[in-house]
Amino acid sequence: PDDPSVADSWGWLKFRQGQLDQAESTLRNAWLKRKDADIGVHLAEVLWDRGEHDEARKVLNEVRRIDPKNASLERTERKLKP
């Protein structure tokens, strides 16, 4: 359960179930443990849905620095249009 990849999957599941508080908490912890592009993108989507657009943009900018050609990042940016 402490593996950031597992936490990312769990957080994303919680997001898909509409449990935004738990999704954000889980994904934030995973992001703090491992600055992985996919974890960051998932966290940004949760933040965006919660109306925290500035924070979501910050996370997406950090993801862009980590992996500028990440396919998940590109899809999410097209979807959210931050």
PDB file of N, CA and C in Angstrom:
ATOM      1  N   PRO A   1       0.804  -1.217   0.000  1.00  0.00           N
ATOM      2  CA  PRO A   1       0.000   0.000   0.000  1.00  0.00           C
ATOM      3  C   PRO A   1       0.843   1.277   0.000  1.00  0.00           C
ATOM      4  N   ASP A   2       2.111   1.165   0.375  1.00  0.00           N
ATOM      5  CA  ASP A   2       2.965   2.352   0.389  1.00  0.00           C
ATOM      6  C   ASP A   2       3.620   2.624  -0.958  1.00  0.00           C
ATOM      7  N   ASP A   3       3.436   1.731  -1.909  1.00  0.00           N
ATOM      8  CA  ASP A   3       4.020   1.911  -3.236  1.00  0.00           C
ATOM      9  C   ASP A   3       3.238   2.998  -3.979  1.00  0.00           C
ATOM     10  N   PRO A   4       3.910   4.050  -4.441  1.00  0.00           N
ATOM     11  CA  PRO A   4       3.211   5.132  -5.126  1.00  0.00           C
ATOM     12  C   PRO A   4       2.425   4.686  -6.364  1.00  0.00           C
ATOM     13  N   SER A   5       2.900   3.661  -7.054  1.00  0.00           N
ATOM     14  CA  SER A   5       2.162   3.174  -8.229  1.00  0.00           C
ATOM     15  C   SER A   5       0.832   2.544  -7.833  1.00  0.00           C
ATOM     16  N   VAL A   6       0.852   1.802  -6.735  1.00  0.00           N
ATOM     17  CA  VAL A   6      -0.387   1.198  -6.231  1.00  0.00           C
ATOM     18  C   VAL A   6      -1.320   2.301  -5.734  1.00  0.00           C
ATOM     19  N   ALA A   7      -0.770   3.263  -5.012  1.00  0.00           N
ATOM     20  CA  ALA A   7      -1.574   4.379  -4.509  1.00  0.00           C
ATOM     21  C   ALA A   7      -2.181   5.176  -5.666  1.00  0.00           C
ATOM     22  N   ASP A   8      -1.428   5.330  -6.749  1.00  0.00           N
ATOM     23  CA  ASP A   8      -1.944   6.025  -7.928  1.00  0.00           C
ATOM     24  C   ASP A   8      -3.176   5.304  -8.468  1.00  0.00           C
ATOM     25  N   SER A   9      -3.082   3.999  -8.603  1.00  0.00           N
ATOM     26  CA  SER A   9      -4.229   3.224  -9.108  1.00  0.00           C
ATOM     27  C   SER A   9      -5.427   3.341  -8.165  1.00  0.00           C
ATOM     28  N   TRP A  10      -5.156   3.264  -6.862  1.00  0.00           N
ATOM     29  CA  TRP A  10      -6.234   3.373  -5.878  1.00  0.00           C
ATOM     30  C   TRP A  10      -6.868   4.772  -5.913  1.00  0.00           C
ATOM     31  N   GLY A  11      -6.017   5.790  -5.973  1.00  0.00           N
ATOM     32  CA  GLY A  11      -6.528   7.158  -6.037  1.00  0.00           C
ATOM     33  C   GLY A  11      -7.352   7.407  -7.283  1.00  0.00           C
ATOM     34  N   TRP A  12      -6.901   6.848  -8.408  1.00  0.00           N
ATOM     35  CA  TRP A  12      -7.638   7.025  -9.663  1.00  0.00           C
ATOM     36  C   TRP A  12      -8.983   6.310  -9.589  1.00  0.00           C
ATOM     37  N   LEU A  13      -9.010   5.127  -8.969  1.00  0.00           N
ATOM     38  CA  LEU A  13     -10.274   4.413  -8.776  1.00  0.00           C
ATOM     39  C   LEU A  13     -11.233   5.260  -7.943  1.00  0.00           C
ATOM     40  N   LYS A  14     -10.728   5.837  -6.859  1.00  0.00           N
ATOM     41  CA  LYS A  14     -11.571   6.673  -6.008  1.00  0.00           C
ATOM     42  C   LYS A  14     -12.096   7.883  -6.780  1.00  0.00           C
ATOM     43  N   PHE A  15     -11.275   8.453  -7.642  1.00  0.00           N
ATOM     44  CA  PHE A  15     -11.705   9.565  -8.491  1.00  0.00           C
ATOM     45  C   PHE A  15     -12.853   9.116  -9.394  1.00  0.00           C
ATOM     46  N   ARG A  16     -12.683   7.962 -10.028  1.00  0.00           N
ATOM     47  CA  ARG A  16     -13.711   7.453 -10.947  1.00  0.00           C
ATOM     48  C   ARG A  16     -15.009   7.128 -10.213  1.00  0.00           C
ATOM     49  N   GLN A  17     -14.891   6.836  -8.923  1.00  0.00           N
ATOM     50  CA  GLN A  17     -16.071   6.558  -8.102  1.00  0.00           C
ATOM     51  C   GLN A  17     -16.680   7.835  -7.528  1.00  0.00           C
ATOM     52  N   GLY A  18     -16.058   8.974  -7.814  1.00  0.00           N
ATOM     53  CA  GLY A  18     -16.588  10.246  -7.327  1.00  0.00           C
ATOM     54  C   GLY A  18     -16.167  10.600  -5.920  1.00  0.00           C
ATOM     55  N   GLN A  19     -15.225   9.871  -5.357  1.00  0.00           N
ATOM     56  CA  GLN A  19     -14.757  10.129  -3.995  1.00  0.00           C
ATOM     57  C   GLN A  19     -13.529  11.038  -4.062  1.00  0.00           C
ATOM     58  N   LEU A  20     -13.800  12.317  -4.339  1.00  0.00           N
ATOM     59  CA  LEU A  20     -12.721  13.265  -4.634  1.00  0.00           C
ATOM     60  C   LEU A  20     -11.804  13.539  -3.449  1.00  0.00           C
ATOM     61  N   ASP A  21     -12.342  13.581  -2.238  1.00  0.00           N
ATOM     62  CA  ASP A  21     -11.483  13.827  -1.069  1.00  0.00           C
ATOM     63  C   ASP A  21     -10.448  12.714  -0.916  1.00  0.00           C
ATOM     64  N   GLN A  22     -10.925  11.480  -0.970  1.00  0.00           N
ATOM     65  CA  GLN A  22     -10.010  10.351  -0.813  1.00  0.00           C
ATOM     66  C   GLN A  22      -9.053  10.263  -1.998  1.00  0.00           C
ATOM     67  N   ALA A  23      -9.543  10.539  -3.191  1.00  0.00           N
ATOM     68  CA  ALA A  23      -8.689  10.510  -4.380  1.00  0.00           C
ATOM     69  C   ALA A  23      -7.570  11.533  -4.253  1.00  0.00           C
ATOM     70  N   GLU A  24      -7.924  12.752  -3.867  1.00  0.00           N
ATOM     71  CA  GLU A  24      -6.906  13.793  -3.746  1.00  0.00           C
ATOM     72  C   GLU A  24      -5.861  13.435  -2.697  1.00  0.00           C
ATOM     73  N   SER A  25      -6.304  12.987  -1.549  1.00  0.00           N
ATOM     74  CA  SER A  25      -5.382  12.639  -0.474  1.00  0.00           C
ATOM     75  C   SER A  25      -4.424  11.530  -0.907  1.00  0.00           C
ATOM     76  N   THR A  26      -4.967  10.493  -1.497  1.00  0.00           N
ATOM     77  CA  THR A  26      -4.155   9.352  -1.928  1.00  0.00           C
ATOM     78  C   THR A  26      -3.166   9.761  -3.012  1.00  0.00           C
ATOM     79  N   LEU A  27      -3.639  10.526  -3.990  1.00  0.00           N
ATOM     80  CA  LEU A  27      -2.770  10.926  -5.098  1.00  0.00           C
ATOM     81  C   LEU A  27      -1.718  11.944  -4.650  1.00  0.00           C
ATOM     82  N   ARG A  28      -2.081  12.835  -3.751  1.00  0.00           N
ATOM     83  CA  ARG A  28      -1.083  13.788  -3.219  1.00  0.00           C
ATOM     84  C   ARG A  28       0.056  13.050  -2.524  1.00  0.00           C
ATOM     85  N   ASN A  29      -0.298  12.063  -1.707  1.00  0.00           N
ATOM     86  CA  ASN A  29       0.725  11.291  -1.011  1.00  0.00           C
ATOM     87  C   ASN A  29       1.610  10.538  -1.994  1.00  0.00           C
ATOM     88  N   ALA A  30       1.011   9.955  -3.013  1.00  0.00           N
ATOM     89  CA  ALA A  30       1.800   9.239  -4.028  1.00  0.00           C
ATOM     90  C   ALA A  30       2.719  10.208  -4.758  1.00  0.00           C
ATOM     91  N   TRP A  31       2.221  11.389  -5.095  1.00  0.00           N
ATOM     92  CA  TRP A  31       2.985  12.418  -5.815  1.00  0.00           C
ATOM     93  C   TRP A  31       4.164  12.898  -4.965  1.00  0.00           C
ATOM     94  N   LEU A  32       3.939  13.045  -3.670  1.00  0.00           N
ATOM     95  CA  LEU A  32       5.021  13.462  -2.780  1.00  0.00           C
ATOM     96  C   LEU A  32       6.119  12.401  -2.682  1.00  0.00           C
ATOM     97  N   LYS A  33       5.726  11.144  -2.754  1.00  0.00           N
ATOM     98  CA  LYS A  33       6.698  10.054  -2.659  1.00  0.00           C
ATOM     99  C   LYS A  33       7.449   9.831  -3.970  1.00  0.00           C
ATOM    100  N   ARG A  34       6.754  10.026  -5.091  1.00  0.00           N
ATOM    101  CA  ARG A  34       7.383   9.794  -6.394  1.00  0.00           C
ATOM    102  C   ARG A  34       6.832  10.789  -7.415  1.00  0.00           C
ATOM    103  N   LYS A  35       7.699  11.625  -7.906  1.00  0.00           N
ATOM    104  CA  LYS A  35       7.299  12.610  -8.920  1.00  0.00           C
ATOM    105  C   LYS A  35       7.225  11.927 -10.285  1.00  0.00           C
ATOM    106  N   ASP A  36       6.205  11.111 -10.433  1.00  0.00           N
ATOM    107  CA  ASP A  36       5.947  10.374 -11.655  1.00  0.00           C
ATOM    108  C   ASP A  36       4.914  11.134 -12.484  1.00  0.00           C
ATOM    109  N   ALA A  37       5.145  11.218 -13.781  1.00  0.00           N
ATOM    110  CA  ALA A  37       4.263  12.008 -14.644  1.00  0.00           C
ATOM    111  C   ALA A  37       2.807  11.542 -14.571  1.00  0.00           C
ATOM    112  N   ASP A  38       2.584  10.245 -14.615  1.00  0.00           N
ATOM    113  CA  ASP A  38       1.207   9.753 -14.603  1.00  0.00           C
ATOM    114  C   ASP A  38       0.499  10.036 -13.280  1.00  0.00           C
ATOM    115  N   ILE A  39       1.216   9.926 -12.176  1.00  0.00           N
ATOM    116  CA  ILE A  39       0.630  10.276 -10.877  1.00  0.00           C
ATOM    117  C   ILE A  39       0.268  11.760 -10.865  1.00  0.00           C
ATOM    118  N   GLY A  40       1.156  12.590 -11.365  1.00  0.00           N
ATOM    119  CA  GLY A  40       0.899  14.028 -11.413  1.00  0.00           C
ATOM    120  C   GLY A  40      -0.306  14.379 -12.264  1.00  0.00           C
ATOM    121  N   VAL A  41      -0.427  13.723 -13.395  1.00  0.00           N
ATOM    122  CA  VAL A  41      -1.579  13.975 -14.277  1.00  0.00           C
ATOM    123  C   VAL A  41      -2.870  13.585 -13.571  1.00  0.00           C
ATOM    124  N   HIS A  42      -2.868  12.456 -12.898  1.00  0.00           N
ATOM    125  CA  HIS A  42      -4.074  12.035 -12.181  1.00  0.00           C
ATOM    126  C   HIS A  42      -4.425  13.019 -11.066  1.00  0.00           C
ATOM    127  N   LEU A  43      -3.413  13.450 -10.333  1.00  0.00           N
ATOM    128  CA  LEU A  43      -3.652  14.438  -9.281  1.00  0.00           C
ATOM    129  C   LEU A  43      -4.217  15.728  -9.875  1.00  0.00           C
ATOM    130  N   ALA A  44      -3.664  16.173 -10.975  1.00  0.00           N
ATOM    131  CA  ALA A  44      -4.145  17.405 -11.612  1.00  0.00           C
ATOM    132  C   ALA A  44      -5.608  17.280 -12.032  1.00  0.00           C
ATOM    133  N   GLU A  45      -5.994  16.132 -12.554  1.00  0.00           N
ATOM    134  CA  GLU A  45      -7.399  15.947 -12.955  1.00  0.00           C
ATOM    135  C   GLU A  45      -8.328  16.022 -11.751  1.00  0.00           C
ATOM    136  N   VAL A  46      -7.918  15.420 -10.649  1.00  0.00           N
ATOM    137  CA  VAL A  46      -8.734  15.487  -9.434  1.00  0.00           C
ATOM    138  C   VAL A  46      -8.840  16.930  -8.960  1.00  0.00           C
ATOM    139  N   LEU A  47      -7.716  17.616  -8.914  1.00  0.00           N
ATOM    140  CA  LEU A  47      -7.724  19.019  -8.487  1.00  0.00           C
ATOM    141  C   LEU A  47      -8.613  19.857  -9.391  1.00  0.00           C
ATOM    142  N   TRP A  48      -8.541  19.629 -10.681  1.00  0.00           N
ATOM    143  CA  TRP A  48      -9.351  20.374 -11.640  1.00  0.00           C
ATOM    144  C   TRP A  48     -10.837  20.159 -11.362  1.00  0.00           C
ATOM    145  N   ASP A  49     -11.216  18.898 -11.151  1.00  0.00           N
ATOM    146  CA  ASP A  49     -12.625  18.594 -10.872  1.00  0.00           C
ATOM    147  C   ASP A  49     -13.094  19.211  -9.563  1.00  0.00           C
ATOM    148  N   ARG A  50     -12.181  19.414  -8.650  1.00  0.00           N
ATOM    149  CA  ARG A  50     -12.525  20.051  -7.372  1.00  0.00           C
ATOM    150  C   ARG A  50     -12.551  21.574  -7.489  1.00  0.00           C
ATOM    151  N   GLY A  51     -12.232  22.095  -8.655  1.00  0.00           N
ATOM    152  CA  GLY A  51     -12.248  23.540  -8.858  1.00  0.00           C
ATOM    153  C   GLY A  51     -10.945  24.216  -8.483  1.00  0.00           C
ATOM    154  N   GLU A  52      -9.918  23.437  -8.186  1.00  0.00           N
ATOM    155  CA  GLU A  52      -8.613  23.970  -7.801  1.00  0.00           C
ATOM    156  C   GLU A  52      -7.733  24.094  -9.051  1.00  0.00           C
ATOM    157  N   HIS A  53      -8.169  24.955  -9.956  1.00  0.00           N
ATOM    158  CA  HIS A  53      -7.528  25.058 -11.268  1.00  0.00           C
ATOM    159  C   HIS A  53      -6.084  25.549 -11.198  1.00  0.00           C
ATOM    160  N   ASP A  54      -5.807  26.514 -10.349  1.00  0.00           N
ATOM    161  CA  ASP A  54      -4.431  27.016 -10.240  1.00  0.00           C
ATOM    162  C   ASP A  54      -3.485  25.923  -9.748  1.00  0.00           C
ATOM    163  N   GLU A  55      -3.919  25.173  -8.757  1.00  0.00           N
ATOM    164  CA  GLU A  55      -3.092  24.086  -8.230  1.00  0.00           C
ATOM    165  C   GLU A  55      -2.906  22.993  -9.284  1.00  0.00           C
ATOM    166  N   ALA A  56      -3.977  22.701 -10.024  1.00  0.00           N
ATOM    167  CA  ALA A  56      -3.885  21.697 -11.092  1.00  0.00           C
ATOM    168  C   ALA A  56      -2.879  22.147 -12.151  1.00  0.00           C
ATOM    169  N   ARG A  57      -2.913  23.416 -12.512  1.00  0.00           N
ATOM    170  CA  ARG A  57      -1.952  23.936 -13.501  1.00  0.00           C
ATOM    171  C   ARG A  57      -0.516  23.806 -13.001  1.00  0.00           C
ATOM    172  N   LYS A  58      -0.299  24.067 -11.718  1.00  0.00           N
ATOM    173  CA  LYS A  58       1.047  23.939 -11.146  1.00  0.00           C
ATOM    174  C   LYS A  58       1.550  22.504 -11.267  1.00  0.00           C
ATOM    175  N   VAL A  59       0.684  21.565 -10.949  1.00  0.00           N
ATOM    176  CA  VAL A  59       1.077  20.158 -11.043  1.00  0.00           C
ATOM    177  C   VAL A  59       1.360  19.798 -12.504  1.00  0.00           C
ATOM    178  N   LEU A  60       0.502  20.236 -13.419  1.00  0.00           N
ATOM    179  CA  LEU A  60       0.723  19.937 -14.832  1.00  0.00           C
ATOM    180  C   LEU A  60       2.027  20.558 -15.338  1.00  0.00           C
ATOM    181  N   ASN A  61       2.348  21.737 -14.865  1.00  0.00           N
ATOM    182  CA  ASN A  61       3.619  22.362 -15.256  1.00  0.00           C
ATOM    183  C   ASN A  61       4.805  21.547 -14.752  1.00  0.00           C
ATOM    184  N   GLU A  62       4.682  21.026 -13.554  1.00  0.00           N
ATOM    185  CA  GLU A  62       5.763  20.196 -13.016  1.00  0.00           C
ATOM    186  C   GLU A  62       5.883  18.889 -13.814  1.00  0.00           C
ATOM    187  N   VAL A  63       4.735  18.310 -14.164  1.00  0.00           N
ATOM    188  CA  VAL A  63       4.750  17.099 -14.988  1.00  0.00           C
ATOM    189  C   VAL A  63       5.433  17.392 -16.323  1.00  0.00           C
ATOM    190  N   ARG A  64       5.132  18.533 -16.899  1.00  0.00           N
ATOM    191  CA  ARG A  64       5.727  18.915 -18.195  1.00  0.00           C
ATOM    192  C   ARG A  64       7.250  18.988 -18.088  1.00  0.00           C
ATOM    193  N   ARG A  65       7.757  19.459 -16.962  1.00  0.00           N
ATOM    194  CA  ARG A  65       9.208  19.511 -16.758  1.00  0.00           C
ATOM    195  C   ARG A  65       9.801  18.104 -16.625  1.00  0.00           C
ATOM    196  N   ILE A  66       9.057  17.208 -16.001  1.00  0.00           N
ATOM    197  CA  ILE A  66       9.520  15.837 -15.791  1.00  0.00           C
ATOM    198  C   ILE A  66       9.501  15.049 -17.101  1.00  0.00           C
ATOM    199  N   ASP A  67       8.397  15.145 -17.830  1.00  0.00           N
ATOM    200  CA  ASP A  67       8.197  14.323 -19.029  1.00  0.00           C
ATOM    201  C   ASP A  67       7.355  15.094 -20.041  1.00  0.00           C
ATOM    202  N   PRO A  68       7.983  16.009 -20.799  1.00  0.00           N
ATOM    203  CA  PRO A  68       7.235  16.897 -21.685  1.00  0.00           C
ATOM    204  C   PRO A  68       6.451  16.193 -22.792  1.00  0.00           C
ATOM    205  N   LYS A  69       6.808  14.971 -23.121  1.00  0.00           N
ATOM    206  CA  LYS A  69       6.111  14.266 -24.208  1.00  0.00           C
ATOM    207  C   LYS A  69       5.193  13.162 -23.691  1.00  0.00           C
ATOM    208  N   ASN A  70       4.833  13.231 -22.430  1.00  0.00           N
ATOM    209  CA  ASN A  70       3.978  12.226 -21.830  1.00  0.00           C
ATOM    210  C   ASN A  70       2.596  12.251 -22.484  1.00  0.00           C
ATOM    211  N   ALA A  71       2.149  11.099 -22.966  1.00  0.00           N
ATOM    212  CA  ALA A  71       0.863  11.011 -23.674  1.00  0.00           C
ATOM    213  C   ALA A  71      -0.313  11.356 -22.762  1.00  0.00           C
ATOM    214  N   SER A  72      -0.258  10.937 -21.501  1.00  0.00           N
ATOM    215  CA  SER A  72      -1.348  11.265 -20.561  1.00  0.00           C
ATOM    216  C   SER A  72      -1.438  12.764 -20.332  1.00  0.00           C
ATOM    217  N   LEU A  73      -0.291  13.407 -20.246  1.00  0.00           N
ATOM    218  CA  LEU A  73      -0.250  14.859 -20.077  1.00  0.00           C
ATOM    219  C   LEU A  73      -0.906  15.547 -21.273  1.00  0.00           C
ATOM    220  N   GLU A  74      -0.543  15.125 -22.467  1.00  0.00           N
ATOM    221  CA  GLU A  74      -1.109  15.737 -23.671  1.00  0.00           C
ATOM    222  C   GLU A  74      -2.620  15.552 -23.732  1.00  0.00           C
ATOM    223  N   ARG A  75      -3.095  14.340 -23.440  1.00  0.00           N
ATOM    224  CA  ARG A  75      -4.552  14.087 -23.463  1.00  0.00           C
ATOM    225  C   ARG A  75      -5.276  14.932 -22.419  1.00  0.00           C
ATOM    226  N   THR A  76      -4.704  14.991 -21.236  1.00  0.00           N
ATOM    227  CA  THR A  76      -5.342  15.747 -20.150  1.00  0.00           C
ATOM    228  C   THR A  76      -5.371  17.229 -20.462  1.00  0.00           C
ATOM    229  N   GLU A  77      -4.301  17.758 -21.010  1.00  0.00           N
ATOM    230  CA  GLU A  77      -4.277  19.185 -21.348  1.00  0.00           C
ATOM    231  C   GLU A  77      -5.293  19.503 -22.443  1.00  0.00           C
ATOM    232  N   ARG A  78      -5.474  18.601 -23.392  1.00  0.00           N
ATOM    233  CA  ARG A  78      -6.501  18.822 -24.421  1.00  0.00           C
ATOM    234  C   ARG A  78      -7.904  18.790 -23.798  1.00  0.00           C
ATOM    235  N   LYS A  79      -8.097  17.872 -22.863  1.00  0.00           N
ATOM    236  CA  LYS A  79      -9.408  17.723 -22.227  1.00  0.00           C
ATOM    237  C   LYS A  79      -9.736  18.900 -21.317  1.00  0.00           C
ATOM    238  N   LEU A  80      -8.773  19.307 -20.494  1.00  0.00           N
ATOM    239  CA  LEU A  80      -9.018  20.368 -19.524  1.00  0.00           C
ATOM    240  C   LEU A  80      -8.838  21.762 -20.092  1.00  0.00           C
ATOM    241  N   LYS A  81      -7.970  21.886 -21.067  1.00  0.00           N
ATOM    242  CA  LYS A  81      -7.616  23.170 -21.661  1.00  0.00           C
ATOM    243  C   LYS A  81      -7.208  24.172 -20.577  1.00  0.00           C
ATOM    244  N   PRO A  82      -6.198  23.780 -19.758  1.00  0.00           N
ATOM    245  CA  PRO A  82      -5.786  24.672 -18.675  1.00  0.00           C
ATOM    246  C   PRO A  82      -5.060  25.848 -19.240  1.00  0.00           C
TER     247      PRO A  82
END
